[in-house]
């Protein structure tokens, strides 16, 4: 599982997103962007963050280190903002920590390492059905001259339909992905090379290793997958099915 770190201090909220993430300090002396389990989207977005971040790392993209942040709700006593207080109280236990990159800045339109990295970002977003990397919200950072991918909670939408039970992986495998609004749409020509390179890097054993990083407490039971291990198997089945298909790639590069 990803490393556990205890939160020692809540520093400040980040008000860019609706989930109200915050900057916190940990007992390892690190500084993290904390994404709270008590936010409206729930723990499934934290699962998405871990899975997609680890996929990004496996295919050669830069993404911040993740930890599980153990939050004592007593920290809320020292926060004046009532909205933040309520969020902290609702988020007792393990939350997601994203390593804070000091001095980083938002993507400005220039890809510092060329079309190869853009092709991999496109491939990752197509594979995970990520709908949240547009010019309105690129979810990309530039740090020390490199491009870093962040914020993957909007990916893997299929698990939001699991309230009534685990659905058919084949449906997700065949679901196309629309790149029209993507920040790297102009690099679609790099997708075939990215697909050829990445396809051999992944597989069910890699997906199993990635799912092992997800804390059990975030894998809430659903009909047909009542234990953390059963839910891990469901995620692996969905990812494996999609990897075995190519309908999800934009038509210009599929087949």
C-alpha atoms as a PDB file:
ATOM      1  CA  UNK A   1       0.000   0.000   0.000  1.00  0.00           C
ATOM      2  CA  UNK A   2       1.068   3.607  -0.452  1.00  0.00           C
ATOM      3  CA  UNK A   3       2.976   4.967   2.527  1.00  0.00           C
ATOM      4  CA  UNK A   4       1.006   6.184   5.550  1.00  0.00           C
ATOM      5  CA  UNK A   5       1.797   9.645   6.918  1.00  0.00           C
ATOM      6  CA  UNK A   6       0.066  11.356   9.849  1.00  0.00           C
ATOM      7  CA  UNK A   7      -1.163  14.912   9.364  1.00  0.00           C
ATOM      8  CA  UNK A   8       0.374  17.266  11.911  1.00  0.00           C
ATOM      9  CA  UNK A   9      -1.012  20.594  10.692  1.00  0.00           C
ATOM     10  CA  UNK A  10      -3.628  21.924   8.307  1.00  0.00           C
ATOM     11  CA  UNK A  11      -2.050  24.893   6.523  1.00  0.00           C
ATOM     12  CA  UNK A  12      -4.476  26.432   4.045  1.00  0.00           C
ATOM     13  CA  UNK A  13      -7.309  25.499   1.677  1.00  0.00           C
ATOM     14  CA  UNK A  14      -6.918  25.402  -2.091  1.00  0.00           C
ATOM     15  CA  UNK A  15     -10.067  26.915  -3.517  1.00  0.00           C
ATOM     16  CA  UNK A  16      -9.504  26.113  -7.180  1.00  0.00           C
ATOM     17  CA  UNK A  17     -11.761  23.041  -7.104  1.00  0.00           C
ATOM     18  CA  UNK A  18     -15.149  22.212  -5.663  1.00  0.00           C
ATOM     19  CA  UNK A  19     -13.778  19.493  -3.370  1.00  0.00           C
ATOM     20  CA  UNK A  20     -11.767  22.038  -1.331  1.00  0.00           C
ATOM     21  CA  UNK A  21      -8.404  20.245  -1.127  1.00  0.00           C
ATOM     22  CA  UNK A  22      -5.939  21.724   1.346  1.00  0.00           C
ATOM     23  CA  UNK A  23      -2.247  22.059   2.026  1.00  0.00           C
ATOM     24  CA  UNK A  24      -1.161  20.027   5.055  1.00  0.00           C
ATOM     25  CA  UNK A  25       2.058  19.062   6.772  1.00  0.00           C
ATOM     26  CA  UNK A  26       2.908  15.492   7.737  1.00  0.00           C
ATOM     27  CA  UNK A  27       4.932  13.841  10.472  1.00  0.00           C
ATOM     28  CA  UNK A  28       7.551  12.977   7.840  1.00  0.00           C
ATOM     29  CA  UNK A  29       8.169  16.768   7.493  1.00  0.00           C
ATOM     30  CA  UNK A  30       6.625  16.672   4.021  1.00  0.00           C
ATOM     31  CA  UNK A  31       4.062  19.104   2.618  1.00  0.00           C
ATOM     32  CA  UNK A  32       1.106  17.661   0.727  1.00  0.00           C
ATOM     33  CA  UNK A  33      -2.004  18.621  -1.149  1.00  0.00           C
ATOM     34  CA  UNK A  34      -4.640  16.689   0.790  1.00  0.00           C
ATOM     35  CA  UNK A  35      -7.679  15.356  -1.038  1.00  0.00           C
ATOM     36  CA  UNK A  36     -10.276  14.572   1.595  1.00  0.00           C
ATOM     37  CA  UNK A  37     -12.340  11.426   1.868  1.00  0.00           C
ATOM     38  CA  UNK A  38     -15.159  13.561   3.296  1.00  0.00           C
ATOM     39  CA  UNK A  39     -15.498  15.690   0.145  1.00  0.00           C
ATOM     40  CA  UNK A  40     -18.631  15.317  -1.940  1.00  0.00           C
ATOM     41  CA  UNK A  41     -17.097  12.975  -4.530  1.00  0.00           C
ATOM     42  CA  UNK A  42     -16.267  10.324  -1.919  1.00  0.00           C
ATOM     43  CA  UNK A  43     -13.432   7.818  -1.756  1.00  0.00           C
ATOM     44  CA  UNK A  44     -13.765   6.502  -5.312  1.00  0.00           C
ATOM     45  CA  UNK A  45     -12.027   9.580  -6.670  1.00  0.00           C
ATOM     46  CA  UNK A  46      -9.122   8.781  -4.320  1.00  0.00           C
ATOM     47  CA  UNK A  47      -8.981   5.290  -5.813  1.00  0.00           C
ATOM     48  CA  UNK A  48      -8.881   6.822  -9.292  1.00  0.00           C
ATOM     49  CA  UNK A  49      -6.057   9.115  -8.243  1.00  0.00           C
ATOM     50  CA  UNK A  50      -3.905   6.206  -7.084  1.00  0.00           C
ATOM     51  CA  UNK A  51      -4.621   3.944 -10.047  1.00  0.00           C
ATOM     52  CA  UNK A  52      -4.101   6.576 -12.745  1.00  0.00           C
ATOM     53  CA  UNK A  53      -1.062   8.119 -11.045  1.00  0.00           C
ATOM     54  CA  UNK A  54       0.571   4.707 -10.855  1.00  0.00           C
ATOM     55  CA  UNK A  55      -0.316   4.001 -14.480  1.00  0.00           C
ATOM     56  CA  UNK A  56       1.272   7.323 -15.427  1.00  0.00           C
ATOM     57  CA  UNK A  57       4.416   6.414 -13.537  1.00  0.00           C
ATOM     58  CA  UNK A  58       4.600   2.982 -15.189  1.00  0.00           C
ATOM     59  CA  UNK A  59       4.439   4.445 -18.700  1.00  0.00           C
ATOM     60  CA  UNK A  60       7.122   7.051 -18.058  1.00  0.00           C
ATOM     61  CA  UNK A  61       5.182  10.189 -17.138  1.00  0.00           C
ATOM     62  CA  UNK A  62       6.076  12.396 -14.195  1.00  0.00           C
ATOM     63  CA  UNK A  63       3.481  12.606 -11.439  1.00  0.00           C
ATOM     64  CA  UNK A  64       3.846  13.606  -7.774  1.00  0.00           C
ATOM     65  CA  UNK A  65       4.395  10.987  -5.093  1.00  0.00           C
ATOM     66  CA  UNK A  66       1.259   9.874  -3.277  1.00  0.00           C
ATOM     67  CA  UNK A  67       0.763   8.973   0.372  1.00  0.00           C
ATOM     68  CA  UNK A  68      -2.179   8.027   2.568  1.00  0.00           C
ATOM     69  CA  UNK A  69      -2.685  10.852   5.056  1.00  0.00           C
ATOM     70  CA  UNK A  70      -4.003   9.794   8.464  1.00  0.00           C
ATOM     71  CA  UNK A  71      -6.095  12.688   9.736  1.00  0.00           C
ATOM     72  CA  UNK A  72      -7.105  13.154  13.368  1.00  0.00           C
ATOM     73  CA  UNK A  73     -10.320  15.228  13.376  1.00  0.00           C
ATOM     74  CA  UNK A  74      -9.033  17.052  16.455  1.00  0.00           C
ATOM     75  CA  UNK A  75      -7.042  19.174  13.999  1.00  0.00           C
ATOM     76  CA  UNK A  76     -10.355  20.846  13.104  1.00  0.00           C
ATOM     77  CA  UNK A  77     -10.386  22.559  16.506  1.00  0.00           C
ATOM     78  CA  UNK A  78      -7.662  24.921  15.324  1.00  0.00           C
ATOM     79  CA  UNK A  79      -9.378  25.916  12.060  1.00  0.00           C
ATOM     80  CA  UNK A  80     -11.512  29.071  12.035  1.00  0.00           C
ATOM     81  CA  UNK A  81     -13.315  28.435   8.735  1.00  0.00           C
ATOM     82  CA  UNK A  82     -16.502  26.464   9.496  1.00  0.00           C
ATOM     83  CA  UNK A  83     -16.606  24.893   6.024  1.00  0.00           C
ATOM     84  CA  UNK A  84     -13.067  23.579   6.472  1.00  0.00           C
ATOM     85  CA  UNK A  85     -13.888  22.447  10.014  1.00  0.00           C
ATOM     86  CA  UNK A  86     -16.800  20.360   8.736  1.00  0.00           C
ATOM     87  CA  UNK A  87     -14.640  18.846   5.993  1.00  0.00           C
ATOM     88  CA  UNK A  88     -11.879  17.911   8.430  1.00  0.00           C
ATOM     89  CA  UNK A  89     -14.355  16.324  10.834  1.00  0.00           C
ATOM     90  CA  UNK A  90     -15.910  14.323   7.985  1.00  0.00           C
ATOM     91  CA  UNK A  91     -12.486  13.106   6.848  1.00  0.00           C
ATOM     92  CA  UNK A  92     -11.190  11.247   9.894  1.00  0.00           C
ATOM     93  CA  UNK A  93      -8.911   8.394   8.883  1.00  0.00           C
ATOM     94  CA  UNK A  94      -7.020   7.934   5.635  1.00  0.00           C
ATOM     95  CA  UNK A  95      -7.080  10.653   3.006  1.00  0.00           C
ATOM     96  CA  UNK A  96      -4.967  11.103  -0.101  1.00  0.00           C
ATOM     97  CA  UNK A  97      -1.796  13.185  -0.002  1.00  0.00           C
ATOM     98  CA  UNK A  98      -0.181  14.477  -3.193  1.00  0.00           C
ATOM     99  CA  UNK A  99       3.397  15.664  -2.800  1.00  0.00           C
ATOM    100  CA  UNK A 100       3.440  19.464  -3.003  1.00  0.00           C
ATOM    101  CA  UNK A 101       5.740  20.755  -5.764  1.00  0.00           C
ATOM    102  CA  UNK A 102       7.016  24.117  -4.513  1.00  0.00           C
ATOM    103  CA  UNK A 103       7.517  26.681  -7.246  1.00  0.00           C
ATOM    104  CA  UNK A 104       5.592  24.744  -9.877  1.00  0.00           C
ATOM    105  CA  UNK A 105       3.238  26.618 -12.173  1.00  0.00           C
ATOM    106  CA  UNK A 106       0.356  25.792 -14.448  1.00  0.00           C
ATOM    107  CA  UNK A 107       0.771  24.560 -17.999  1.00  0.00           C
ATOM    108  CA  UNK A 108       1.171  27.492 -20.407  1.00  0.00           C
ATOM    109  CA  UNK A 109       0.830  25.732 -23.757  1.00  0.00           C
ATOM    110  CA  UNK A 110       4.447  24.751 -24.361  1.00  0.00           C
ATOM    111  CA  UNK A 111       5.346  21.076 -24.069  1.00  0.00           C
ATOM    112  CA  UNK A 112       8.930  21.141 -22.775  1.00  0.00           C
ATOM    113  CA  UNK A 113       9.841  17.603 -23.814  1.00  0.00           C
ATOM    114  CA  UNK A 114       8.068  17.459 -27.189  1.00  0.00           C
ATOM    115  CA  UNK A 115       5.380  15.302 -28.721  1.00  0.00           C
ATOM    116  CA  UNK A 116       6.444  12.006 -27.091  1.00  0.00           C
ATOM    117  CA  UNK A 117       5.248  13.037 -23.641  1.00  0.00           C
ATOM    118  CA  UNK A 118       2.097  14.614 -25.124  1.00  0.00           C
ATOM    119  CA  UNK A 119       1.323  11.329 -26.886  1.00  0.00           C
ATOM    120  CA  UNK A 120       1.675   9.432 -23.617  1.00  0.00           C
ATOM    121  CA  UNK A 121      -0.623  11.857 -21.809  1.00  0.00           C
ATOM    122  CA  UNK A 122      -3.201  11.424 -24.560  1.00  0.00           C
ATOM    123  CA  UNK A 123      -2.874   7.629 -24.346  1.00  0.00           C
ATOM    124  CA  UNK A 124      -3.252   7.652 -20.550  1.00  0.00           C
ATOM    125  CA  UNK A 125      -6.339   9.840 -20.701  1.00  0.00           C
ATOM    126  CA  UNK A 126      -7.902   7.756 -23.472  1.00  0.00           C
ATOM    127  CA  UNK A 127      -7.203   4.495 -21.647  1.00  0.00           C
ATOM    128  CA  UNK A 128      -8.628   5.733 -18.344  1.00  0.00           C
ATOM    129  CA  UNK A 129     -11.486   7.711 -19.946  1.00  0.00           C
ATOM    130  CA  UNK A 130     -10.286  10.926 -18.319  1.00  0.00           C
ATOM    131  CA  UNK A 131     -12.536  13.847 -19.265  1.00  0.00           C
ATOM    132  CA  UNK A 132     -10.694  16.508 -17.270  1.00  0.00           C
ATOM    133  CA  UNK A 133      -7.629  17.724 -19.150  1.00  0.00           C
ATOM    134  CA  UNK A 134      -8.970  20.576 -21.243  1.00  0.00           C
ATOM    135  CA  UNK A 135      -7.761  24.158 -21.590  1.00  0.00           C
ATOM    136  CA  UNK A 136     -10.293  25.092 -18.926  1.00  0.00           C
ATOM    137  CA  UNK A 137      -8.514  22.783 -16.518  1.00  0.00           C
ATOM    138  CA  UNK A 138      -5.311  21.228 -17.944  1.00  0.00           C
ATOM    139  CA  UNK A 139      -4.289  19.422 -14.725  1.00  0.00           C
ATOM    140  CA  UNK A 140      -0.667  19.765 -15.784  1.00  0.00           C
ATOM    141  CA  UNK A 141       2.189  21.425 -13.936  1.00  0.00           C
ATOM    142  CA  UNK A 142       5.596  22.610 -15.054  1.00  0.00           C
ATOM    143  CA  UNK A 143       8.290  22.014 -12.463  1.00  0.00           C
ATOM    144  CA  UNK A 144      12.053  22.311 -12.994  1.00  0.00           C
ATOM    145  CA  UNK A 145      11.441  22.388 -16.741  1.00  0.00           C
ATOM    146  CA  UNK A 146       9.457  19.136 -16.829  1.00  0.00           C
ATOM    147  CA  UNK A 147       5.783  18.404 -17.367  1.00  0.00           C
ATOM    148  CA  UNK A 148       3.920  16.711 -14.487  1.00  0.00           C
ATOM    149  CA  UNK A 149       0.442  15.182 -14.716  1.00  0.00           C
ATOM    150  CA  UNK A 150      -1.892  15.680 -11.747  1.00  0.00           C
ATOM    151  CA  UNK A 151      -5.525  15.335 -10.647  1.00  0.00           C
ATOM    152  CA  UNK A 152      -6.985  12.099 -12.002  1.00  0.00           C
ATOM    153  CA  UNK A 153     -10.167  11.888  -9.970  1.00  0.00           C
ATOM    154  CA  UNK A 154     -12.376  12.319 -13.057  1.00  0.00           C
ATOM    155  CA  UNK A 155     -10.991   9.173 -14.709  1.00  0.00           C
ATOM    156  CA  UNK A 156     -12.319   5.597 -14.475  1.00  0.00           C
ATOM    157  CA  UNK A 157     -15.924   6.809 -14.438  1.00  0.00           C
ATOM    158  CA  UNK A 158     -17.234   3.222 -14.579  1.00  0.00           C
ATOM    159  CA  UNK A 159     -16.880   2.693 -10.824  1.00  0.00           C
ATOM    160  CA  UNK A 160     -19.451   5.400 -10.099  1.00  0.00           C
ATOM    161  CA  UNK A 161     -22.072   3.036 -11.538  1.00  0.00           C
ATOM    162  CA  UNK A 162     -21.178   0.245  -9.130  1.00  0.00           C
ATOM    163  CA  UNK A 163     -23.760   1.233  -6.533  1.00  0.00           C
ATOM    164  CA  UNK A 164     -26.055  -1.373  -8.028  1.00  0.00           C
ATOM    165  CA  UNK A 165     -23.269  -3.910  -8.543  1.00  0.00           C
ATOM    166  CA  UNK A 166     -20.176  -4.430 -10.659  1.00  0.00           C
ATOM    167  CA  UNK A 167     -21.050  -3.987 -14.324  1.00  0.00           C
ATOM    168  CA  UNK A 168     -19.660  -5.640 -17.475  1.00  0.00           C
ATOM    169  CA  UNK A 169     -15.977  -4.836 -18.240  1.00  0.00           C
ATOM    170  CA  UNK A 170     -16.656  -5.283 -21.980  1.00  0.00           C
ATOM    171  CA  UNK A 171     -18.787  -2.147 -22.004  1.00  0.00           C
ATOM    172  CA  UNK A 172     -15.931  -0.043 -20.671  1.00  0.00           C
ATOM    173  CA  UNK A 173     -13.479  -1.788 -22.991  1.00  0.00           C
ATOM    174  CA  UNK A 174     -15.479  -0.705 -26.036  1.00  0.00           C
ATOM    175  CA  UNK A 175     -16.312   2.823 -24.863  1.00  0.00           C
ATOM    176  CA  UNK A 176     -14.705   5.362 -27.242  1.00  0.00           C
ATOM    177  CA  UNK A 177     -12.878   8.421 -25.957  1.00  0.00           C
ATOM    178  CA  UNK A 178     -13.377  11.851 -27.478  1.00  0.00           C
ATOM    179  CA  UNK A 179     -10.207  14.001 -27.724  1.00  0.00           C
ATOM    180  CA  UNK A 180     -11.896  17.102 -29.127  1.00  0.00           C
ATOM    181  CA  UNK A 181     -11.581  19.109 -25.899  1.00  0.00           C
ATOM    182  CA  UNK A 182      -8.170  17.789 -24.854  1.00  0.00           C
ATOM    183  CA  UNK A 183      -5.319  20.197 -24.218  1.00  0.00           C
ATOM    184  CA  UNK A 184      -3.005  18.058 -26.416  1.00  0.00           C
ATOM    185  CA  UNK A 185      -5.432  17.471 -29.267  1.00  0.00           C
ATOM    186  CA  UNK A 186      -2.861  18.794 -31.757  1.00  0.00           C
ATOM    187  CA  UNK A 187      -0.570  15.874 -30.844  1.00  0.00           C
ATOM    188  CA  UNK A 188      -2.970  13.096 -31.865  1.00  0.00           C
ATOM    189  CA  UNK A 189      -0.450  12.042 -34.488  1.00  0.00           C
ATOM    190  CA  UNK A 190       1.830  10.876 -31.648  1.00  0.00           C
ATOM    191  CA  UNK A 191      -0.734   8.357 -30.385  1.00  0.00           C
ATOM    192  CA  UNK A 192       0.212   5.387 -32.620  1.00  0.00           C
ATOM    193  CA  UNK A 193       3.831   5.469 -31.396  1.00  0.00           C
ATOM    194  CA  UNK A 194       2.687   5.883 -27.809  1.00  0.00           C
ATOM    195  CA  UNK A 195       0.274   2.966 -28.144  1.00  0.00           C
ATOM    196  CA  UNK A 196       2.969   0.717 -29.605  1.00  0.00           C
ATOM    197  CA  UNK A 197       5.405   1.595 -26.804  1.00  0.00           C
ATOM    198  CA  UNK A 198       2.989   1.440 -23.895  1.00  0.00           C
ATOM    199  CA  UNK A 199       0.996  -1.646 -24.813  1.00  0.00           C
ATOM    200  CA  UNK A 200       3.792  -4.006 -23.791  1.00  0.00           C
ATOM    201  CA  UNK A 201       4.398  -2.186 -20.480  1.00  0.00           C
ATOM    202  CA  UNK A 202       1.033  -3.051 -18.958  1.00  0.00           C
ATOM    203  CA  UNK A 203      -0.990  -6.168 -18.228  1.00  0.00           C
ATOM    204  CA  UNK A 204      -3.015  -7.836 -15.514  1.00  0.00           C
ATOM    205  CA  UNK A 205       0.026  -8.457 -13.301  1.00  0.00           C
ATOM    206  CA  UNK A 206       0.971  -4.770 -13.474  1.00  0.00           C
ATOM    207  CA  UNK A 207      -2.621  -3.780 -12.753  1.00  0.00           C
ATOM    208  CA  UNK A 208      -2.577  -6.103  -9.719  1.00  0.00           C
ATOM    209  CA  UNK A 209       0.557  -4.383  -8.413  1.00  0.00           C
ATOM    210  CA  UNK A 210      -1.083  -0.991  -8.880  1.00  0.00           C
ATOM    211  CA  UNK A 211      -4.303  -2.003  -7.126  1.00  0.00           C
ATOM    212  CA  UNK A 212      -2.251  -3.309  -4.208  1.00  0.00           C
ATOM    213  CA  UNK A 213      -1.258   0.330  -3.591  1.00  0.00           C
ATOM    214  CA  UNK A 214      -4.867   1.314  -2.819  1.00  0.00           C
ATOM    215  CA  UNK A 215      -5.770   1.242   0.910  1.00  0.00           C
ATOM    216  CA  UNK A 216      -8.430  -1.309   1.836  1.00  0.00           C
ATOM    217  CA  UNK A 217     -10.593   1.330   3.541  1.00  0.00           C
ATOM    218  CA  UNK A 218     -11.112   3.138   0.220  1.00  0.00           C
ATOM    219  CA  UNK A 219     -12.379  -0.029  -1.459  1.00  0.00           C
ATOM    220  CA  UNK A 220     -15.928   0.120  -0.202  1.00  0.00           C
ATOM    221  CA  UNK A 221     -18.017  -3.005  -0.899  1.00  0.00           C
ATOM    222  CA  UNK A 222     -20.555  -3.120  -3.731  1.00  0.00           C
ATOM    223  CA  UNK A 223     -22.896  -5.947  -4.792  1.00  0.00           C
ATOM    224  CA  UNK A 224     -20.783  -8.614  -6.412  1.00  0.00           C
ATOM    225  CA  UNK A 225     -17.560  -7.343  -4.825  1.00  0.00           C
ATOM    226  CA  UNK A 226     -18.037  -7.277  -1.081  1.00  0.00           C
ATOM    227  CA  UNK A 227     -14.365  -7.370  -0.030  1.00  0.00           C
ATOM    228  CA  UNK A 228     -11.349  -5.193  -0.893  1.00  0.00           C
ATOM    229  CA  UNK A 229      -9.743  -8.078  -2.785  1.00  0.00           C
ATOM    230  CA  UNK A 230     -12.906  -8.713  -4.790  1.00  0.00           C
ATOM    231  CA  UNK A 231     -13.083  -5.030  -5.672  1.00  0.00           C
ATOM    232  CA  UNK A 232      -9.411  -5.031  -6.685  1.00  0.00           C
ATOM    233  CA  UNK A 233     -10.157  -7.964  -8.978  1.00  0.00           C
ATOM    234  CA  UNK A 234     -13.021  -5.997 -10.530  1.00  0.00           C
ATOM    235  CA  UNK A 235     -10.775  -3.028 -11.289  1.00  0.00           C
ATOM    236  CA  UNK A 236      -8.148  -5.354 -12.764  1.00  0.00           C
ATOM    237  CA  UNK A 237     -10.783  -6.992 -14.973  1.00  0.00           C
ATOM    238  CA  UNK A 238     -11.955  -3.612 -16.291  1.00  0.00           C
ATOM    239  CA  UNK A 239      -8.428  -2.380 -16.994  1.00  0.00           C
ATOM    240  CA  UNK A 240      -7.382  -5.662 -18.600  1.00  0.00           C
ATOM    241  CA  UNK A 241     -10.457  -5.685 -20.829  1.00  0.00           C
ATOM    242  CA  UNK A 242      -9.791  -2.133 -22.001  1.00  0.00           C
ATOM    243  CA  UNK A 243      -6.133  -2.871 -22.676  1.00  0.00           C
ATOM    244  CA  UNK A 244      -7.225  -5.780 -24.878  1.00  0.00           C
ATOM    245  CA  UNK A 245      -9.412  -3.527 -27.015  1.00  0.00           C
ATOM    246  CA  UNK A 246      -8.697  -0.482 -29.160  1.00  0.00           C
ATOM    247  CA  UNK A 247     -12.150   1.030 -29.721  1.00  0.00           C
ATOM    248  CA  UNK A 248     -11.312   3.631 -27.065  1.00  0.00           C
ATOM    249  CA  UNK A 249      -8.541   5.187 -29.156  1.00  0.00           C
ATOM    250  CA  UNK A 250      -9.572   8.042 -31.455  1.00  0.00           C
ATOM    251  CA  UNK A 251     -10.658   6.659 -34.817  1.00  0.00           C
ATOM    252  CA  UNK A 252      -7.739   8.228 -36.667  1.00  0.00           C
ATOM    253  CA  UNK A 253      -5.266   5.965 -34.868  1.00  0.00           C
ATOM    254  CA  UNK A 254      -7.321   2.873 -34.018  1.00  0.00           C
ATOM    255  CA  UNK A 255      -6.660  -0.441 -35.737  1.00  0.00           C
END
